[in-house]
Each structure stands twice: as C-alpha cells, then as structure tokens.
Amino acid sequence: MSKAGVSYAFSEDYRGKVLTVRSKDDNTVTTGSLDFFFLDRHVWALGKDCKTVGPMRHHGPFASFKVLEEWIDSCSGRKLHPAIEYGLEWEASRILPIISPSSLQAFCSFVKYLSDEYNLTSQSEKQEKMVSFCDDIGPDLLALVNHKPVILPEIPFLYKAPKLWREIMWNVNNCLVSVSNKSCNIILYNIPERLKWCSSREKGLYLYHIARCLLYLDAMEKDPDAALTMSWIENVKQGIELSDIMRGSN
C-alpha cells in the first residue's frame, strides 16, 4: 500500500498479463505509459511482447529516477503539497490523525529546530520552482517490464512542490531502511555519493522527509505516540549527520 492508499497487483489470466490498481479514495492520475493498455476501470493489460513484469525493487540505481522524472514532468500537479500550503509542522496530524498532543508538540518543535538550523520553512519553500510531486515518488511507481523500468499507468494524485523535493523523496523512499520494534535505527543504503557534500537546505530537507516517511510507518502501526518518528527527532537534535546513516553509494 502506497502512502496515498494506492496498491498494485500483477496477475495473469485469459487477457494476458494484467495490472490491477486499487485506491481507497479513487485518488489516482493516469500517466499515459506506453507499456500498458486500458482494459477497465483501474485494470490495465500489457502488450503481447511483454515476457516478464513485476514490481521495481528498492535500493535500485539512481538512473531509474530519471525514467520516473521524465514521465512525472508530463503530468501536472494541481495544487501545492499540504506541507507547503498549510505549514511543515502540520504534516504530523495530516499523516497520523491520531497522534498524541505530546508527540504533535515534539514534531512542531522539530520543525522549529529545522527552521533555526537550516532556514527551512514553508514560506521559503514556496519561493522555489515547483514541479509535479507526490509522497510516493520512488520505485513503487515503477514496474520492471522485460527487465526495463517503466512508469505505472496510474499513480497517486500529484501535488506541486519544489524540484529538490522530488529527488530527495526518491532517495528516501528508495534507500531508507529502518528497524521497527519502537526503535529507529535508520540507514540510507546506496544513495548518491554527492550527498556527502549537500547544501544546508538539502540536508534539512532530508532530515524532514525522513521524519515524514517515519510518520507514515507510525500511521501503519496506528501508533499515537509516533515512536519511530520521535526516536528519529531525538537523534537529529543530538546532532546526527547524513554521513552517519549512509551505507554504500552509486
């Protein structure tokens, strides 16, 4: 299940190889992918030349991001991402509506820390060039067709967000490894080497978007204390560096 509540299932029947898209809020957009053909509402077939098809693996090469980016650029986001429209701090209650008051306060304090340390605010982000974006930017929006990455025919609703958000979200969704059981041992595996020298704003955005991804994990666990997110916030305030959690590079 994606962050936006969209899931994908590959199968094979009398129609050939088929992709079924399920969306709890019917909140998808079509991409015009040339590798899929419309059969029915949220049901897509693959061409006869398709020998193999399956989901894209995580920790894949950064080159796959460029495939996704090319298609995303052809789709228009309709409104600003909620984090920019309403404030970075309110993502906690949007993603995890049952979050406890104390954990919400801790997340708001975390956003204030990012503002003080990295000048990261919703207002400053509004000044950046906007492109199409969604929280699921990553390998889950791609399929491997004949061992080649292609974009899926339906993807979650697209917002508008700064261009840098898209690459960061790809790296976080593609490379993030976290240990659950209420602890937060974060690893970014196989991310671009250049991130060792990223700008202050870029570092702040990584720290923020990792927290957002952990909020989604806490939401899946229905944890009002947001234990994973709170553990990450504590690590950040203790001075963790991106280089401390990087393993491998590409």
C-alpha atoms as a PDB file:
ATOM      1  CA  MET A   1       0.000   0.000   0.000  1.00  0.00           C
ATOM      2  CA  SER A   2       1.368   3.382  -1.001  1.00  0.00           C
ATOM      3  CA  LYS A   3       1.419   6.441   1.246  1.00  0.00           C
ATOM      4  CA  ALA A   4      -1.609   7.712  -0.675  1.00  0.00           C
ATOM      5  CA  GLY A   5      -3.530   4.457  -0.170  1.00  0.00           C
ATOM      6  CA  VAL A   6      -2.901   3.066  -3.668  1.00  0.00           C
ATOM      7  CA  SER A   7      -1.870  -0.561  -4.206  1.00  0.00           C
ATOM      8  CA  TYR A   8      -0.859  -2.559  -7.280  1.00  0.00           C
ATOM      9  CA  ALA A   9      -1.302  -6.249  -8.084  1.00  0.00           C
ATOM     10  CA  PHE A  10       0.137  -8.085 -11.086  1.00  0.00           C
ATOM     11  CA  SER A  11      -1.611 -11.228 -12.337  1.00  0.00           C
ATOM     12  CA  GLU A  12      -2.109 -13.309 -15.465  1.00  0.00           C
ATOM     13  CA  ASP A  13      -5.373 -14.670 -16.904  1.00  0.00           C
ATOM     14  CA  TYR A  14      -7.142 -15.161 -20.240  1.00  0.00           C
ATOM     15  CA  ARG A  15      -6.421 -11.488 -21.043  1.00  0.00           C
ATOM     16  CA  GLY A  16      -2.695 -11.979 -20.599  1.00  0.00           C
ATOM     17  CA  LYS A  17      -0.560 -10.152 -18.056  1.00  0.00           C
ATOM     18  CA  VAL A  18      -2.708  -7.701 -16.091  1.00  0.00           C
ATOM     19  CA  LEU A  19      -2.152  -4.923 -13.567  1.00  0.00           C
ATOM     20  CA  THR A  20      -4.970  -4.066 -11.144  1.00  0.00           C
ATOM     21  CA  VAL A  21      -4.835  -0.750  -9.296  1.00  0.00           C
ATOM     22  CA  ARG A  22      -6.704  -0.301  -6.017  1.00  0.00           C
ATOM     23  CA  SER A  23      -7.238   3.132  -4.498  1.00  0.00           C
ATOM     24  CA  LYS A  24      -9.215   3.689  -1.307  1.00  0.00           C
ATOM     25  CA  ASP A  25     -10.100   7.267  -2.234  1.00  0.00           C
ATOM     26  CA  ASP A  26     -10.018   6.938  -6.031  1.00  0.00           C
ATOM     27  CA  ASN A  27      -7.142   9.436  -5.939  1.00  0.00           C
ATOM     28  CA  THR A  28      -5.046   8.425  -8.938  1.00  0.00           C
ATOM     29  CA  VAL A  29      -3.983  10.057 -12.196  1.00  0.00           C
ATOM     30  CA  THR A  30      -3.135   8.315 -15.445  1.00  0.00           C
ATOM     31  CA  THR A  31       0.373   8.713 -16.835  1.00  0.00           C
ATOM     32  CA  GLY A  32      -0.015   7.712 -20.457  1.00  0.00           C
ATOM     33  CA  SER A  33       2.525   4.912 -20.062  1.00  0.00           C
ATOM     34  CA  LEU A  34       3.077   3.282 -23.452  1.00  0.00           C
ATOM     35  CA  ASP A  35       3.652  -0.153 -21.919  1.00  0.00           C
ATOM     36  CA  PHE A  36       0.119  -0.571 -20.529  1.00  0.00           C
ATOM     37  CA  PHE A  37      -3.261  -0.682 -22.273  1.00  0.00           C
ATOM     38  CA  PHE A  38      -6.587   0.222 -20.665  1.00  0.00           C
ATOM     39  CA  LEU A  39      -8.956  -2.705 -20.085  1.00  0.00           C
ATOM     40  CA  ASP A  40     -11.390  -1.485 -17.468  1.00  0.00           C
ATOM     41  CA  ARG A  41     -11.576   0.930 -14.564  1.00  0.00           C
ATOM     42  CA  HIS A  42      -8.233   0.548 -12.722  1.00  0.00           C
ATOM     43  CA  VAL A  43      -7.364  -2.536 -14.795  1.00  0.00           C
ATOM     44  CA  TRP A  44      -4.537  -2.486 -17.338  1.00  0.00           C
ATOM     45  CA  ALA A  45      -3.058  -5.058 -19.710  1.00  0.00           C
ATOM     46  CA  LEU A  46       0.463  -5.363 -21.038  1.00  0.00           C
ATOM     47  CA  GLY A  47       1.356  -5.862 -24.682  1.00  0.00           C
ATOM     48  CA  LYS A  48       1.958  -9.271 -26.234  1.00  0.00           C
ATOM     49  CA  ASP A  49       5.673  -8.547 -26.421  1.00  0.00           C
ATOM     50  CA  CYS A  50       5.810  -8.431 -22.605  1.00  0.00           C
ATOM     51  CA  LYS A  51       7.695 -11.513 -21.423  1.00  0.00           C
ATOM     52  CA  THR A  52       8.235 -10.568 -17.779  1.00  0.00           C
ATOM     53  CA  VAL A  53       6.643  -7.986 -15.493  1.00  0.00           C
ATOM     54  CA  GLY A  54       6.869  -7.233 -11.801  1.00  0.00           C
ATOM     55  CA  PRO A  55       7.358  -4.509  -9.219  1.00  0.00           C
ATOM     56  CA  MET A  56      10.532  -2.454  -9.124  1.00  0.00           C
ATOM     57  CA  ARG A  57      12.934  -3.383  -6.348  1.00  0.00           C
ATOM     58  CA  HIS A  58      14.106  -0.881  -3.765  1.00  0.00           C
ATOM     59  CA  HIS A  59      17.770   0.164  -3.466  1.00  0.00           C
ATOM     60  CA  GLY A  60      17.936   0.316  -7.258  1.00  0.00           C
ATOM     61  CA  PRO A  61      20.117   2.614  -9.366  1.00  0.00           C
ATOM     62  CA  PHE A  62      19.543   6.353  -9.424  1.00  0.00           C
ATOM     63  CA  ALA A  63      19.111   6.080 -13.219  1.00  0.00           C
ATOM     64  CA  SER A  64      15.620   4.681 -12.581  1.00  0.00           C
ATOM     65  CA  PHE A  65      14.667   8.003 -11.013  1.00  0.00           C
ATOM     66  CA  LYS A  66      15.299   9.723 -14.344  1.00  0.00           C
ATOM     67  CA  VAL A  67      12.803   7.372 -16.024  1.00  0.00           C
ATOM     68  CA  LEU A  68      10.179   8.319 -13.451  1.00  0.00           C
ATOM     69  CA  GLU A  69      11.040  12.022 -13.547  1.00  0.00           C
ATOM     70  CA  GLU A  70      10.583  12.199 -17.315  1.00  0.00           C
ATOM     71  CA  TRP A  71       7.023  10.905 -17.074  1.00  0.00           C
ATOM     72  CA  ILE A  72       6.140  12.890 -13.950  1.00  0.00           C
ATOM     73  CA  ASP A  73       7.155  16.067 -15.793  1.00  0.00           C
ATOM     74  CA  SER A  74       4.409  15.350 -18.343  1.00  0.00           C
ATOM     75  CA  CYS A  75       1.747  15.244 -15.593  1.00  0.00           C
ATOM     76  CA  SER A  76       0.630  18.452 -13.894  1.00  0.00           C
ATOM     77  CA  GLY A  77       0.233  18.774 -10.136  1.00  0.00           C
ATOM     78  CA  ARG A  78      -2.992  20.596  -9.363  1.00  0.00           C
ATOM     79  CA  LYS A  79      -2.264  22.261  -6.033  1.00  0.00           C
ATOM     80  CA  LEU A  80       0.525  22.860  -3.552  1.00  0.00           C
ATOM     81  CA  HIS A  81       1.592  19.992  -1.352  1.00  0.00           C
ATOM     82  CA  PRO A  82      -0.159  20.320   2.042  1.00  0.00           C
ATOM     83  CA  ALA A  83       3.175  20.732   3.864  1.00  0.00           C
ATOM     84  CA  ILE A  84       3.829  23.889   1.849  1.00  0.00           C
ATOM     85  CA  GLU A  85       0.237  25.102   1.740  1.00  0.00           C
ATOM     86  CA  TYR A  86      -0.529  24.713   5.448  1.00  0.00           C
ATOM     87  CA  GLY A  87       2.861  24.518   7.154  1.00  0.00           C
ATOM     88  CA  LEU A  88       5.607  21.921   7.555  1.00  0.00           C
ATOM     89  CA  GLU A  89       4.604  21.237  11.160  1.00  0.00           C
ATOM     90  CA  TRP A  90       1.063  20.118  10.311  1.00  0.00           C
ATOM     91  CA  GLU A  91       2.218  17.072   8.359  1.00  0.00           C
ATOM     92  CA  ALA A  92       2.199  15.130  11.619  1.00  0.00           C
ATOM     93  CA  SER A  93      -1.543  15.483  12.145  1.00  0.00           C
ATOM     94  CA  ARG A  94      -2.284  15.029   8.426  1.00  0.00           C
ATOM     95  CA  ILE A  95      -0.336  11.773   8.119  1.00  0.00           C
ATOM     96  CA  LEU A  96      -1.141  10.475  11.616  1.00  0.00           C
ATOM     97  CA  PRO A  97      -4.502  11.979  12.665  1.00  0.00           C
ATOM     98  CA  ILE A  98      -4.444  10.044  15.962  1.00  0.00           C
ATOM     99  CA  ILE A  99      -1.072  11.480  17.011  1.00  0.00           C
ATOM    100  CA  SER A 100      -0.947  12.352  20.712  1.00  0.00           C
ATOM    101  CA  PRO A 101      -0.706  16.015  21.773  1.00  0.00           C
ATOM    102  CA  SER A 102       2.775  15.485  23.215  1.00  0.00           C
ATOM    103  CA  SER A 103       4.102  13.869  20.030  1.00  0.00           C
ATOM    104  CA  LEU A 104       2.492  16.584  17.903  1.00  0.00           C
ATOM    105  CA  GLN A 105       4.171  19.204  20.047  1.00  0.00           C
ATOM    106  CA  ALA A 106       7.506  17.385  19.661  1.00  0.00           C
ATOM    107  CA  PHE A 107       7.097  17.353  15.871  1.00  0.00           C
ATOM    108  CA  CYS A 108       6.284  21.080  15.830  1.00  0.00           C
ATOM    109  CA  SER A 109       9.397  21.690  17.945  1.00  0.00           C
ATOM    110  CA  PHE A 110      11.385  19.614  15.433  1.00  0.00           C
ATOM    111  CA  VAL A 111      10.176  21.783  12.545  1.00  0.00           C
ATOM    112  CA  LYS A 112      11.137  24.886  14.550  1.00  0.00           C
ATOM    113  CA  TYR A 113      14.613  23.360  15.010  1.00  0.00           C
ATOM    114  CA  LEU A 114      14.914  22.825  11.227  1.00  0.00           C
ATOM    115  CA  SER A 115      13.867  26.431  10.678  1.00  0.00           C
ATOM    116  CA  ASP A 116      16.505  27.716  13.109  1.00  0.00           C
ATOM    117  CA  GLU A 117      19.311  25.439  11.922  1.00  0.00           C
ATOM    118  CA  TYR A 118      18.627  25.211   8.166  1.00  0.00           C
ATOM    119  CA  ASN A 119      16.266  28.133   7.450  1.00  0.00           C
ATOM    120  CA  LEU A 120      13.691  25.561   6.334  1.00  0.00           C
ATOM    121  CA  THR A 121      10.133  26.946   6.327  1.00  0.00           C
ATOM    122  CA  SER A 122       7.027  26.541   4.199  1.00  0.00           C
ATOM    123  CA  GLN A 123       7.365  30.180   3.165  1.00  0.00           C
ATOM    124  CA  SER A 124      10.956  29.754   1.969  1.00  0.00           C
ATOM    125  CA  GLU A 125       9.968  26.605   0.067  1.00  0.00           C
ATOM    126  CA  LYS A 126       7.160  28.475  -1.684  1.00  0.00           C
ATOM    127  CA  GLN A 127       9.809  30.634  -3.364  1.00  0.00           C
ATOM    128  CA  GLU A 128      11.322  27.637  -5.166  1.00  0.00           C
ATOM    129  CA  LYS A 129      10.463  26.397  -8.649  1.00  0.00           C
ATOM    130  CA  MET A 130       7.516  23.996  -8.449  1.00  0.00           C
ATOM    131  CA  VAL A 131       7.180  20.658 -10.232  1.00  0.00           C
ATOM    132  CA  SER A 132       4.789  17.712 -10.020  1.00  0.00           C
ATOM    133  CA  PHE A 133       5.308  15.667  -6.864  1.00  0.00           C
ATOM    134  CA  CYS A 134       3.788  13.032  -4.601  1.00  0.00           C
ATOM    135  CA  ASP A 135       4.899  11.371  -1.375  1.00  0.00           C
ATOM    136  CA  ASP A 136       5.309   8.037  -3.199  1.00  0.00           C
ATOM    137  CA  ILE A 137       7.985   9.270  -5.594  1.00  0.00           C
ATOM    138  CA  GLY A 138      10.186   6.179  -5.652  1.00  0.00           C
ATOM    139  CA  PRO A 139      10.486   2.661  -7.078  1.00  0.00           C
ATOM    140  CA  ASP A 140       6.885   1.819  -6.080  1.00  0.00           C
ATOM    141  CA  LEU A 141       5.681   3.956  -9.019  1.00  0.00           C
ATOM    142  CA  LEU A 142       7.704   1.868 -11.491  1.00  0.00           C
ATOM    143  CA  ALA A 143       7.388  -1.637 -12.869  1.00  0.00           C
ATOM    144  CA  LEU A 144      10.018  -3.832 -14.480  1.00  0.00           C
ATOM    145  CA  VAL A 145       8.755  -4.775 -17.931  1.00  0.00           C
ATOM    146  CA  ASN A 146      11.134  -7.098 -19.758  1.00  0.00           C
ATOM    147  CA  HIS A 147      13.710  -6.082 -17.123  1.00  0.00           C
ATOM    148  CA  LYS A 148      13.331  -2.388 -18.022  1.00  0.00           C
ATOM    149  CA  PRO A 149      11.926   0.227 -15.596  1.00  0.00           C
ATOM    150  CA  VAL A 150       8.719   1.867 -16.839  1.00  0.00           C
ATOM    151  CA  ILE A 151       6.200   4.093 -15.070  1.00  0.00           C
ATOM    152  CA  LEU A 152       2.923   2.546 -13.950  1.00  0.00           C
ATOM    153  CA  PRO A 153      -0.232   3.594 -15.837  1.00  0.00           C
ATOM    154  CA  GLU A 154      -1.861   5.033 -12.707  1.00  0.00           C
ATOM    155  CA  ILE A 155      -0.059   6.782  -9.875  1.00  0.00           C
ATOM    156  CA  PRO A 156      -1.255   8.693  -6.793  1.00  0.00           C
ATOM    157  CA  PHE A 157      -2.621  12.224  -7.023  1.00  0.00           C
ATOM    158  CA  LEU A 158       0.086  14.758  -7.853  1.00  0.00           C
ATOM    159  CA  TYR A 159       0.766  17.960  -5.960  1.00  0.00           C
ATOM    160  CA  LYS A 160       3.185  20.784  -6.702  1.00  0.00           C
ATOM    161  CA  ALA A 161       6.398  21.009  -4.694  1.00  0.00           C
ATOM    162  CA  PRO A 162       9.973  22.265  -5.136  1.00  0.00           C
ATOM    163  CA  LYS A 163      12.035  20.300  -7.639  1.00  0.00           C
ATOM    164  CA  LEU A 164      14.545  19.259  -4.979  1.00  0.00           C
ATOM    165  CA  TRP A 165      11.769  17.517  -3.028  1.00  0.00           C
ATOM    166  CA  ARG A 166      11.345  15.026  -5.859  1.00  0.00           C
ATOM    167  CA  GLU A 167      14.936  13.786  -5.846  1.00  0.00           C
ATOM    168  CA  ILE A 168      15.069  13.709  -2.052  1.00  0.00           C
ATOM    169  CA  MET A 169      11.811  11.754  -1.842  1.00  0.00           C
ATOM    170  CA  TRP A 170      13.159   9.256  -4.386  1.00  0.00           C
ATOM    171  CA  ASN A 171      16.314   8.729  -2.342  1.00  0.00           C
ATOM    172  CA  VAL A 172      14.409   8.379   0.925  1.00  0.00           C
ATOM    173  CA  ASN A 173      11.741   6.026  -0.463  1.00  0.00           C
ATOM    174  CA  ASN A 174      14.302   4.018  -2.448  1.00  0.00           C
ATOM    175  CA  CYS A 175      17.110   3.854   0.078  1.00  0.00           C
ATOM    176  CA  LEU A 176      15.559   4.093   3.544  1.00  0.00           C
ATOM    177  CA  VAL A 177      15.932   1.124   5.859  1.00  0.00           C
ATOM    178  CA  SER A 178      14.515   1.369   9.363  1.00  0.00           C
ATOM    179  CA  VAL A 179      14.390  -1.103  12.208  1.00  0.00           C
ATOM    180  CA  SER A 180      10.944  -1.188  13.818  1.00  0.00           C
ATOM    181  CA  ASN A 181      10.053  -2.541  17.261  1.00  0.00           C
ATOM    182  CA  LYS A 182       9.658   1.030  18.502  1.00  0.00           C
ATOM    183  CA  SER A 183      13.317   1.828  17.763  1.00  0.00           C
ATOM    184  CA  CYS A 184      14.702   3.927  14.957  1.00  0.00           C
ATOM    185  CA  ASN A 185      17.945   2.625  13.511  1.00  0.00           C
ATOM    186  CA  ILE A 186      17.964   4.486  10.199  1.00  0.00           C
ATOM    187  CA  ILE A 187      20.160   3.600   7.244  1.00  0.00           C
ATOM    188  CA  LEU A 188      20.181   5.216   3.799  1.00  0.00           C
ATOM    189  CA  TYR A 189      21.533   2.457   1.599  1.00  0.00           C
ATOM    190  CA  ASN A 190      23.100   3.017  -1.828  1.00  0.00           C
ATOM    191  CA  ILE A 191      22.396   6.745  -2.178  1.00  0.00           C
ATOM    192  CA  PRO A 192      24.273   9.141  -4.492  1.00  0.00           C
ATOM    193  CA  GLU A 193      27.821   9.856  -3.347  1.00  0.00           C
ATOM    194  CA  ARG A 194      27.356  13.614  -3.730  1.00  0.00           C
ATOM    195  CA  LEU A 195      25.053  13.733  -0.698  1.00  0.00           C
ATOM    196  CA  LYS A 196      28.139  13.745   1.494  1.00  0.00           C
ATOM    197  CA  TRP A 197      28.548  17.352   0.366  1.00  0.00           C
ATOM    198  CA  CYS A 198      24.939  18.501   0.099  1.00  0.00           C
ATOM    199  CA  SER A 199      23.847  22.052   0.945  1.00  0.00           C
ATOM    200  CA  SER A 200      22.382  23.119   4.271  1.00  0.00           C
ATOM    201  CA  ARG A 201      18.866  23.355   2.797  1.00  0.00           C
ATOM    202  CA  GLU A 202      19.209  19.918   1.211  1.00  0.00           C
ATOM    203  CA  LYS A 203      20.335  18.391   4.498  1.00  0.00           C
ATOM    204  CA  GLY A 204      17.401  19.997   6.304  1.00  0.00           C
ATOM    205  CA  LEU A 205      15.001  18.604   3.725  1.00  0.00           C
ATOM    206  CA  TYR A 206      16.448  15.109   4.119  1.00  0.00           C
ATOM    207  CA  LEU A 207      16.014  15.271   7.886  1.00  0.00           C
ATOM    208  CA  TYR A 208      12.433  16.486   7.415  1.00  0.00           C
ATOM    209  CA  HIS A 209      11.374  13.978   4.750  1.00  0.00           C
ATOM    210  CA  ILE A 210      12.849  11.050   6.658  1.00  0.00           C
ATOM    211  CA  ALA A 211      10.663  12.147   9.571  1.00  0.00           C
ATOM    212  CA  ARG A 212       7.644  12.282   7.266  1.00  0.00           C
ATOM    213  CA  CYS A 213       8.328   8.751   5.987  1.00  0.00           C
ATOM    214  CA  LEU A 214       8.580   7.503   9.553  1.00  0.00           C
ATOM    215  CA  LEU A 215       5.240   9.161  10.318  1.00  0.00           C
ATOM    216  CA  TYR A 216       3.708   7.011   7.582  1.00  0.00           C
ATOM    217  CA  LEU A 217       5.203   3.907   9.226  1.00  0.00           C
ATOM    218  CA  ASP A 218       3.804   5.017  12.588  1.00  0.00           C
ATOM    219  CA  ALA A 219       0.436   5.529  10.898  1.00  0.00           C
ATOM    220  CA  MET A 220       0.533   1.972   9.549  1.00  0.00           C
ATOM    221  CA  GLU A 221       1.141   0.769  13.113  1.00  0.00           C
ATOM    222  CA  LYS A 222      -1.651   3.064  14.394  1.00  0.00           C
ATOM    223  CA  ASP A 223       0.780   4.353  16.991  1.00  0.00           C
ATOM    224  CA  PRO A 224      -0.426   7.650  18.510  1.00  0.00           C
ATOM    225  CA  ASP A 225       2.945   8.081  20.220  1.00  0.00           C
ATOM    226  CA  ALA A 226       4.699   8.012  16.818  1.00  0.00           C
ATOM    227  CA  ALA A 227       7.583   6.130  18.431  1.00  0.00           C
ATOM    228  CA  LEU A 228       9.694   5.781  15.269  1.00  0.00           C
ATOM    229  CA  THR A 229       9.327   9.454  14.392  1.00  0.00           C
ATOM    230  CA  MET A 230      10.048  10.594  17.927  1.00  0.00           C
ATOM    231  CA  SER A 231      13.197   8.453  18.064  1.00  0.00           C
ATOM    232  CA  TRP A 232      14.417   9.988  14.798  1.00  0.00           C
ATOM    233  CA  ILE A 233      13.702  13.518  16.030  1.00  0.00           C
ATOM    234  CA  GLU A 234      15.732  12.831  19.153  1.00  0.00           C
ATOM    235  CA  ASN A 235      18.640  11.563  17.019  1.00  0.00           C
ATOM    236  CA  VAL A 236      18.503  14.708  14.876  1.00  0.00           C
ATOM    237  CA  LYS A 237      18.533  17.013  17.880  1.00  0.00           C
ATOM    238  CA  GLN A 238      21.540  15.109  19.230  1.00  0.00           C
ATOM    239  CA  GLY A 239      23.435  16.032  16.060  1.00  0.00           C
ATOM    240  CA  ILE A 240      23.186  13.019  13.761  1.00  0.00           C
ATOM    241  CA  GLU A 241      24.751  13.623  10.307  1.00  0.00           C
ATOM    242  CA  LEU A 242      23.608  12.188   6.976  1.00  0.00           C
ATOM    243  CA  SER A 243      27.046  10.610   6.657  1.00  0.00           C
ATOM    244  CA  ASP A 244      26.330   8.707   9.900  1.00  0.00           C
ATOM    245  CA  ILE A 245      23.460   6.802   8.262  1.00  0.00           C
ATOM    246  CA  MET A 246      24.821   6.365   4.726  1.00  0.00           C
ATOM    247  CA  ARG A 247      25.860   2.887   3.565  1.00  0.00           C
ATOM    248  CA  GLY A 248      27.224   2.383   0.053  1.00  0.00           C
ATOM    249  CA  SER A 249      26.773   4.792  -2.837  1.00  0.00           C
ATOM    250  CA  ASN A 250      26.022   4.863  -6.560  1.00  0.00           C
END
